[in-house]
Amino acid sequence: MMRNEAARHVDPIVFWQCACGGPVLLERDYQHAIACIDCEMLADGIKDALDAIVEKLGHSDRSIS
């Protein structure tokens, strides 16, 4: 049973919601994410995407002014 629970990845939308100020990860999701290379890479990719969006919006706002 423990093996199946450890193998379950965190849902990408959960990472996205957390990165956007939504609810924090559940304890089991957090424990999995810190031990799983794939989930860590996904979380990093989401952070990079959000940073790129913020940067693009910042550039966009300056060109409007």
C-alpha atoms as a PDB file:
ATOM      1  CA  MET A   1       0.000   0.000   0.000  1.00  0.00           C
ATOM      2  CA  MET A   2       2.775   2.461   0.875  1.00  0.00           C
ATOM      3  CA  ARG A   3       4.471   1.766  -2.447  1.00  0.00           C
ATOM      4  CA  ASN A   4       1.335   2.674  -4.461  1.00  0.00           C
ATOM      5  CA  GLU A   5       0.854   5.885  -2.517  1.00  0.00           C
ATOM      6  CA  ALA A   6       4.480   6.882  -3.051  1.00  0.00           C
ATOM      7  CA  ALA A   7       4.179   6.222  -6.787  1.00  0.00           C
ATOM      8  CA  ARG A   8       1.188   8.556  -7.223  1.00  0.00           C
ATOM      9  CA  HIS A   9       2.409  11.845  -8.670  1.00  0.00           C
ATOM     10  CA  VAL A  10       1.076  15.226  -7.635  1.00  0.00           C
ATOM     11  CA  ASP A  11      -1.521  16.450 -10.117  1.00  0.00           C
ATOM     12  CA  PRO A  12      -0.054  19.273 -12.249  1.00  0.00           C
ATOM     13  CA  ILE A  13      -3.065  21.508 -11.585  1.00  0.00           C
ATOM     14  CA  VAL A  14      -2.354  21.227  -7.856  1.00  0.00           C
ATOM     15  CA  PHE A  15       1.172  22.565  -8.408  1.00  0.00           C
ATOM     16  CA  TRP A  16      -0.232  25.369 -10.569  1.00  0.00           C
ATOM     17  CA  GLN A  17      -2.821  26.337  -7.940  1.00  0.00           C
ATOM     18  CA  CYS A  18      -0.202  26.346  -5.175  1.00  0.00           C
ATOM     19  CA  ALA A  19       2.148  28.482  -7.261  1.00  0.00           C
ATOM     20  CA  CYS A  20      -0.669  30.960  -7.883  1.00  0.00           C
ATOM     21  CA  GLY A  21      -1.426  31.429  -4.192  1.00  0.00           C
ATOM     22  CA  GLY A  22      -3.962  28.656  -3.812  1.00  0.00           C
ATOM     23  CA  PRO A  23      -4.014  26.046  -1.069  1.00  0.00           C
ATOM     24  CA  VAL A  24      -0.762  24.476   0.070  1.00  0.00           C
ATOM     25  CA  LEU A  25       0.104  20.909  -0.847  1.00  0.00           C
ATOM     26  CA  LEU A  26      -1.312  18.128   1.271  1.00  0.00           C
ATOM     27  CA  GLU A  27       1.317  16.469   3.451  1.00  0.00           C
ATOM     28  CA  ARG A  28       1.391  13.307   1.277  1.00  0.00           C
ATOM     29  CA  ASP A  29       1.762  15.404  -1.904  1.00  0.00           C
ATOM     30  CA  TYR A  30       4.543  17.456  -0.335  1.00  0.00           C
ATOM     31  CA  GLN A  31       6.406  14.346   0.831  1.00  0.00           C
ATOM     32  CA  HIS A  32       6.086  12.829  -2.628  1.00  0.00           C
ATOM     33  CA  ALA A  33       7.126  16.013  -4.446  1.00  0.00           C
ATOM     34  CA  ILE A  34      10.340  16.448  -2.480  1.00  0.00           C
ATOM     35  CA  ALA A  35      11.334  12.854  -3.204  1.00  0.00           C
ATOM     36  CA  CYS A  36      10.253  12.645  -6.866  1.00  0.00           C
ATOM     37  CA  ILE A  37      12.495  14.042  -9.607  1.00  0.00           C
ATOM     38  CA  ASP A  38       9.596  14.179 -12.097  1.00  0.00           C
ATOM     39  CA  CYS A  39       7.366  16.175  -9.732  1.00  0.00           C
ATOM     40  CA  GLU A  40      10.244  18.464  -8.829  1.00  0.00           C
ATOM     41  CA  MET A  41      10.915  19.129 -12.524  1.00  0.00           C
ATOM     42  CA  LEU A  42       7.207  19.799 -13.095  1.00  0.00           C
ATOM     43  CA  ALA A  43       7.061  22.257 -10.196  1.00  0.00           C
ATOM     44  CA  ASP A  44      10.184  24.019 -11.501  1.00  0.00           C
ATOM     45  CA  GLY A  45       8.661  24.209 -14.979  1.00  0.00           C
ATOM     46  CA  ILE A  46       5.473  25.745 -13.613  1.00  0.00           C
ATOM     47  CA  LYS A  47       7.489  28.307 -11.644  1.00  0.00           C
ATOM     48  CA  ASP A  48       9.485  29.170 -14.770  1.00  0.00           C
ATOM     49  CA  ALA A  49       6.274  29.528 -16.801  1.00  0.00           C
ATOM     50  CA  LEU A  50       4.727  31.834 -14.208  1.00  0.00           C
ATOM     51  CA  ASP A  51       7.918  33.902 -14.052  1.00  0.00           C
ATOM     52  CA  ALA A  52       7.849  34.215 -17.846  1.00  0.00           C
ATOM     53  CA  ILE A  53       4.212  35.332 -17.758  1.00  0.00           C
ATOM     54  CA  VAL A  54       4.966  37.974 -15.131  1.00  0.00           C
ATOM     55  CA  GLU A  55       7.985  39.156 -17.109  1.00  0.00           C
ATOM     56  CA  LYS A  56       5.981  39.342 -20.337  1.00  0.00           C
ATOM     57  CA  LEU A  57       3.160  41.243 -18.648  1.00  0.00           C
ATOM     58  CA  GLY A  58       5.713  43.633 -17.190  1.00  0.00           C
ATOM     59  CA  HIS A  59       7.162  44.299 -20.641  1.00  0.00           C
ATOM     60  CA  SER A  60       3.679  44.629 -22.062  1.00  0.00           C
ATOM     61  CA  ASP A  61       2.685  47.164 -19.394  1.00  0.00           C
ATOM     62  CA  ARG A  62       5.751  49.312 -20.119  1.00  0.00           C
ATOM     63  CA  SER A  63       4.988  49.434 -23.825  1.00  0.00           C
ATOM     64  CA  ILE A  64       1.456  50.644 -23.129  1.00  0.00           C
ATOM     65  CA  SER A  65       2.571  53.557 -20.955  1.00  0.00           C
END
